[in-house]
Amino acid sequence: MQTDSTSALKPRSLRAVREAKGLSLRTAAARSGIDPGHLSKVERGEKQLSLEALYRLALVIDLDDLAGHLKPLLSEESGVGSEVQSEPAA
């Protein structure tokens, strides 16, 4: 069963948020460790992300509420979040 915060999450919403943050698909994919082609299909509603990949993407595009809901579902031993890349220093 989906929670209220995740049931309203639509694939195109991910794209809209990513674009609103000024991130290209390739940049968001690279920072979250997701294949760009796969992320593109996710945004079109053709594929789904694993919980870990969705968590990493949520961190990258600043969906803190979603990341907060997903974190307890993930194993602490998995190292989730350690692969998320920050923006390069200016």
N, C-alpha and C. Protein backbone atom coordinates (compact mmCIF):
# COMPACT_ATOMS: atom_id res chain seq x y z
N MET A 1 0.83 -1.18 0.00
CA MET A 1 0.00 0.00 0.00
C MET A 1 0.88 1.25 0.00
N GLN A 2 0.50 2.23 -0.80
CA GLN A 2 1.30 3.44 -0.90
C GLN A 2 0.87 4.45 0.15
N THR A 3 1.85 5.24 0.59
CA THR A 3 1.54 6.31 1.52
C THR A 3 1.04 7.51 0.74
N ASP A 4 0.43 8.46 1.43
CA ASP A 4 -0.08 9.65 0.77
C ASP A 4 0.99 10.39 -0.01
N SER A 5 2.19 10.46 0.54
CA SER A 5 3.25 11.22 -0.12
C SER A 5 3.79 10.54 -1.36
N THR A 6 3.76 9.21 -1.41
CA THR A 6 4.29 8.53 -2.59
C THR A 6 3.20 8.19 -3.60
N SER A 7 1.94 8.11 -3.18
CA SER A 7 0.89 7.76 -4.13
C SER A 7 0.67 8.87 -5.14
N ALA A 8 0.95 10.11 -4.76
CA ALA A 8 0.77 11.23 -5.66
C ALA A 8 1.98 11.43 -6.57
N LEU A 9 3.04 10.69 -6.34
CA LEU A 9 4.26 10.83 -7.13
C LEU A 9 4.07 10.16 -8.48
N LYS A 10 4.14 10.95 -9.52
CA LYS A 10 3.98 10.46 -10.88
C LYS A 10 5.33 10.59 -11.59
N PRO A 11 5.58 9.71 -12.57
CA PRO A 11 6.86 9.79 -13.29
C PRO A 11 7.15 11.18 -13.85
N ARG A 12 6.15 11.81 -14.45
CA ARG A 12 6.38 13.14 -15.03
C ARG A 12 6.66 14.18 -13.95
N SER A 13 6.18 13.92 -12.73
CA SER A 13 6.48 14.83 -11.62
C SER A 13 7.97 14.82 -11.32
N LEU A 14 8.59 13.65 -11.41
CA LEU A 14 10.04 13.57 -11.18
C LEU A 14 10.77 14.45 -12.20
N ARG A 15 10.34 14.37 -13.45
CA ARG A 15 10.97 15.18 -14.49
C ARG A 15 10.77 16.66 -14.21
N ALA A 16 9.56 17.04 -13.84
CA ALA A 16 9.27 18.45 -13.57
C ALA A 16 10.12 18.98 -12.42
N VAL A 17 10.25 18.19 -11.36
CA VAL A 17 11.07 18.61 -10.22
C VAL A 17 12.53 18.71 -10.63
N ARG A 18 13.01 17.70 -11.35
CA ARG A 18 14.41 17.71 -11.80
C ARG A 18 14.70 18.94 -12.64
N GLU A 19 13.80 19.23 -13.59
CA GLU A 19 14.00 20.39 -14.45
C GLU A 19 13.90 21.70 -13.66
N ALA A 20 12.99 21.75 -12.69
CA ALA A 20 12.85 22.96 -11.86
C ALA A 20 14.13 23.22 -11.05
N LYS A 21 14.85 22.15 -10.73
CA LYS A 21 16.11 22.29 -10.00
C LYS A 21 17.27 22.64 -10.94
N GLY A 22 16.98 22.70 -12.25
CA GLY A 22 18.01 23.05 -13.22
C GLY A 22 18.96 21.92 -13.54
N LEU A 23 18.53 20.68 -13.29
CA LEU A 23 19.38 19.52 -13.54
C LEU A 23 19.00 18.85 -14.85
N SER A 24 20.00 18.56 -15.66
CA SER A 24 19.74 17.77 -16.86
C SER A 24 19.51 16.32 -16.44
N LEU A 25 18.92 15.56 -17.33
CA LEU A 25 18.70 14.14 -17.04
C LEU A 25 20.03 13.45 -16.78
N ARG A 26 21.02 13.72 -17.60
CA ARG A 26 22.33 13.08 -17.43
C ARG A 26 22.98 13.44 -16.10
N THR A 27 22.87 14.69 -15.69
CA THR A 27 23.46 15.12 -14.42
C THR A 27 22.77 14.44 -13.25
N ALA A 28 21.44 14.45 -13.25
CA ALA A 28 20.69 13.81 -12.16
C ALA A 28 20.99 12.32 -12.12
N ALA A 29 21.06 11.70 -13.29
CA ALA A 29 21.36 10.27 -13.35
C ALA A 29 22.76 9.98 -12.80
N ALA A 30 23.73 10.77 -13.22
CA ALA A 30 25.11 10.55 -12.77
C ALA A 30 25.23 10.74 -11.26
N ARG A 31 24.62 11.78 -10.74
CA ARG A 31 24.72 12.05 -9.30
C ARG A 31 24.01 11.00 -8.45
N SER A 32 22.98 10.38 -9.01
CA SER A 32 22.23 9.38 -8.24
C SER A 32 22.64 7.95 -8.58
N GLY A 33 23.56 7.78 -9.51
CA GLY A 33 24.04 6.45 -9.86
C GLY A 33 23.04 5.63 -10.66
N ILE A 34 22.22 6.31 -11.45
CA ILE A 34 21.21 5.66 -12.28
C ILE A 34 21.60 5.82 -13.73
N ASP A 35 21.42 4.79 -14.53
CA ASP A 35 21.69 4.87 -15.96
C ASP A 35 20.77 5.93 -16.57
N PRO A 36 21.30 6.85 -17.38
CA PRO A 36 20.46 7.90 -17.96
C PRO A 36 19.30 7.37 -18.80
N GLY A 37 19.54 6.31 -19.54
CA GLY A 37 18.47 5.72 -20.34
C GLY A 37 17.35 5.17 -19.47
N HIS A 38 17.73 4.56 -18.36
CA HIS A 38 16.73 4.01 -17.44
C HIS A 38 15.94 5.15 -16.80
N LEU A 39 16.62 6.20 -16.37
CA LEU A 39 15.93 7.34 -15.76
C LEU A 39 14.97 7.98 -16.76
N SER A 40 15.38 8.07 -18.00
CA SER A 40 14.50 8.62 -19.03
C SER A 40 13.22 7.80 -19.14
N LYS A 41 13.36 6.48 -19.12
CA LYS A 41 12.18 5.60 -19.19
C LYS A 41 11.32 5.72 -17.94
N VAL A 42 11.95 5.93 -16.79
CA VAL A 42 11.20 6.14 -15.54
C VAL A 42 10.36 7.40 -15.67
N GLU A 43 10.96 8.46 -16.17
CA GLU A 43 10.25 9.73 -16.30
C GLU A 43 9.11 9.65 -17.31
N ARG A 44 9.19 8.73 -18.24
CA ARG A 44 8.10 8.53 -19.20
C ARG A 44 7.08 7.50 -18.71
N GLY A 45 7.32 6.92 -17.55
CA GLY A 45 6.39 5.95 -16.99
C GLY A 45 6.54 4.55 -17.55
N GLU A 46 7.65 4.28 -18.22
CA GLU A 46 7.88 2.97 -18.84
C GLU A 46 8.62 2.00 -17.93
N LYS A 47 9.35 2.51 -16.97
CA LYS A 47 10.13 1.68 -16.04
C LYS A 47 9.93 2.21 -14.63
N GLN A 48 10.36 1.41 -13.66
CA GLN A 48 10.31 1.82 -12.26
C GLN A 48 11.71 1.79 -11.67
N LEU A 49 11.89 2.54 -10.60
CA LEU A 49 13.16 2.54 -9.88
C LEU A 49 13.05 1.65 -8.66
N SER A 50 14.16 1.07 -8.26
CA SER A 50 14.21 0.37 -6.98
C SER A 50 14.07 1.41 -5.88
N LEU A 51 13.75 0.96 -4.67
CA LEU A 51 13.65 1.89 -3.55
C LEU A 51 14.96 2.64 -3.33
N GLU A 52 16.08 1.92 -3.44
CA GLU A 52 17.39 2.55 -3.24
C GLU A 52 17.65 3.62 -4.29
N ALA A 53 17.35 3.31 -5.56
CA ALA A 53 17.58 4.29 -6.62
C ALA A 53 16.65 5.49 -6.46
N LEU A 54 15.40 5.24 -6.08
CA LEU A 54 14.46 6.34 -5.86
C LEU A 54 14.93 7.22 -4.70
N TYR A 55 15.44 6.59 -3.66
CA TYR A 55 15.97 7.33 -2.51
C TYR A 55 17.13 8.23 -2.95
N ARG A 56 18.07 7.66 -3.71
CA ARG A 56 19.22 8.45 -4.17
C ARG A 56 18.78 9.61 -5.05
N LEU A 57 17.82 9.35 -5.95
CA LEU A 57 17.31 10.40 -6.82
C LEU A 57 16.60 11.48 -6.00
N ALA A 58 15.83 11.06 -5.01
CA ALA A 58 15.13 12.03 -4.14
C ALA A 58 16.13 12.94 -3.45
N LEU A 59 17.25 12.40 -3.02
CA LEU A 59 18.29 13.23 -2.39
C LEU A 59 18.87 14.23 -3.39
N VAL A 60 19.11 13.77 -4.60
CA VAL A 60 19.72 14.62 -5.63
C VAL A 60 18.80 15.77 -6.03
N ILE A 61 17.50 15.49 -6.15
CA ILE A 61 16.58 16.54 -6.60
C ILE A 61 15.84 17.21 -5.43
N ASP A 62 16.37 17.00 -4.23
CA ASP A 62 15.87 17.68 -3.02
C ASP A 62 14.41 17.38 -2.68
N LEU A 63 14.00 16.14 -2.84
CA LEU A 63 12.68 15.71 -2.38
C LEU A 63 12.87 15.12 -0.99
N ASP A 64 13.11 15.98 -0.03
CA ASP A 64 13.46 15.55 1.32
C ASP A 64 12.35 14.74 2.00
N ASP A 65 11.09 15.12 1.78
CA ASP A 65 9.99 14.36 2.38
C ASP A 65 9.97 12.93 1.87
N LEU A 66 10.13 12.77 0.56
CA LEU A 66 10.15 11.43 -0.03
C LEU A 66 11.34 10.64 0.49
N ALA A 67 12.51 11.26 0.51
CA ALA A 67 13.70 10.57 1.01
C ALA A 67 13.51 10.15 2.46
N GLY A 68 12.88 11.01 3.24
CA GLY A 68 12.62 10.69 4.64
C GLY A 68 11.69 9.51 4.82
N HIS A 69 10.70 9.37 3.92
CA HIS A 69 9.79 8.22 3.98
C HIS A 69 10.47 6.93 3.53
N LEU A 70 11.40 7.06 2.58
CA LEU A 70 12.06 5.87 2.03
C LEU A 70 13.17 5.35 2.93
N LYS A 71 13.86 6.24 3.60
CA LYS A 71 15.04 5.85 4.38
C LYS A 71 14.77 4.71 5.37
N PRO A 72 13.67 4.75 6.15
CA PRO A 72 13.44 3.65 7.09
C PRO A 72 13.19 2.31 6.41
N LEU A 73 12.79 2.34 5.14
CA LEU A 73 12.51 1.11 4.41
C LEU A 73 13.78 0.43 3.92
N LEU A 74 14.86 1.15 3.93
CA LEU A 74 16.11 0.65 3.38
C LEU A 74 17.02 0.13 4.48
N SER A 75 17.79 -0.85 4.15
CA SER A 75 18.73 -1.43 5.11
C SER A 75 19.86 -0.45 5.39
N GLU A 76 20.18 -0.27 6.65
CA GLU A 76 21.29 0.62 7.01
C GLU A 76 22.62 0.08 6.50
N GLU A 77 22.71 -1.23 6.33
CA GLU A 77 23.97 -1.82 5.86
C GLU A 77 24.20 -1.61 4.38
N SER A 78 23.18 -1.17 3.65
CA SER A 78 23.32 -1.05 2.20
C SER A 78 24.19 0.12 1.78
N GLY A 79 24.43 1.07 2.68
CA GLY A 79 25.24 2.23 2.33
C GLY A 79 24.51 3.21 1.45
N VAL A 80 23.19 3.18 1.46
CA VAL A 80 22.42 4.08 0.63
C VAL A 80 22.75 5.52 1.00
N GLY A 81 22.90 6.33 -0.02
CA GLY A 81 23.23 7.73 0.20
C GLY A 81 24.71 8.01 0.03
N SER A 82 25.54 6.99 0.21
CA SER A 82 26.97 7.20 0.08
C SER A 82 27.39 7.38 -1.37
N GLU A 83 26.53 6.96 -2.31
CA GLU A 83 26.88 7.08 -3.71
C GLU A 83 26.35 8.34 -4.36
N VAL A 84 25.60 9.14 -3.63
CA VAL A 84 25.05 10.36 -4.18
C VAL A 84 26.16 11.39 -4.27
N GLN A 85 26.33 11.94 -5.46
CA GLN A 85 27.41 12.91 -5.69
C GLN A 85 26.88 14.32 -5.53
N SER A 86 27.63 15.13 -4.86
CA SER A 86 27.25 16.53 -4.68
C SER A 86 27.69 17.33 -5.90
N GLU A 87 27.23 18.57 -5.93
CA GLU A 87 27.62 19.45 -7.03
C GLU A 87 29.11 19.73 -6.94
N PRO A 88 29.77 19.87 -8.09
CA PRO A 88 31.20 20.21 -8.06
C PRO A 88 31.41 21.59 -7.44
N ALA A 89 32.52 21.75 -6.77
CA ALA A 89 32.84 23.04 -6.15
C ALA A 89 33.04 24.09 -7.23
N ALA A 90 32.55 25.28 -6.97
CA ALA A 90 32.66 26.36 -7.97
C ALA A 90 33.96 27.10 -7.81
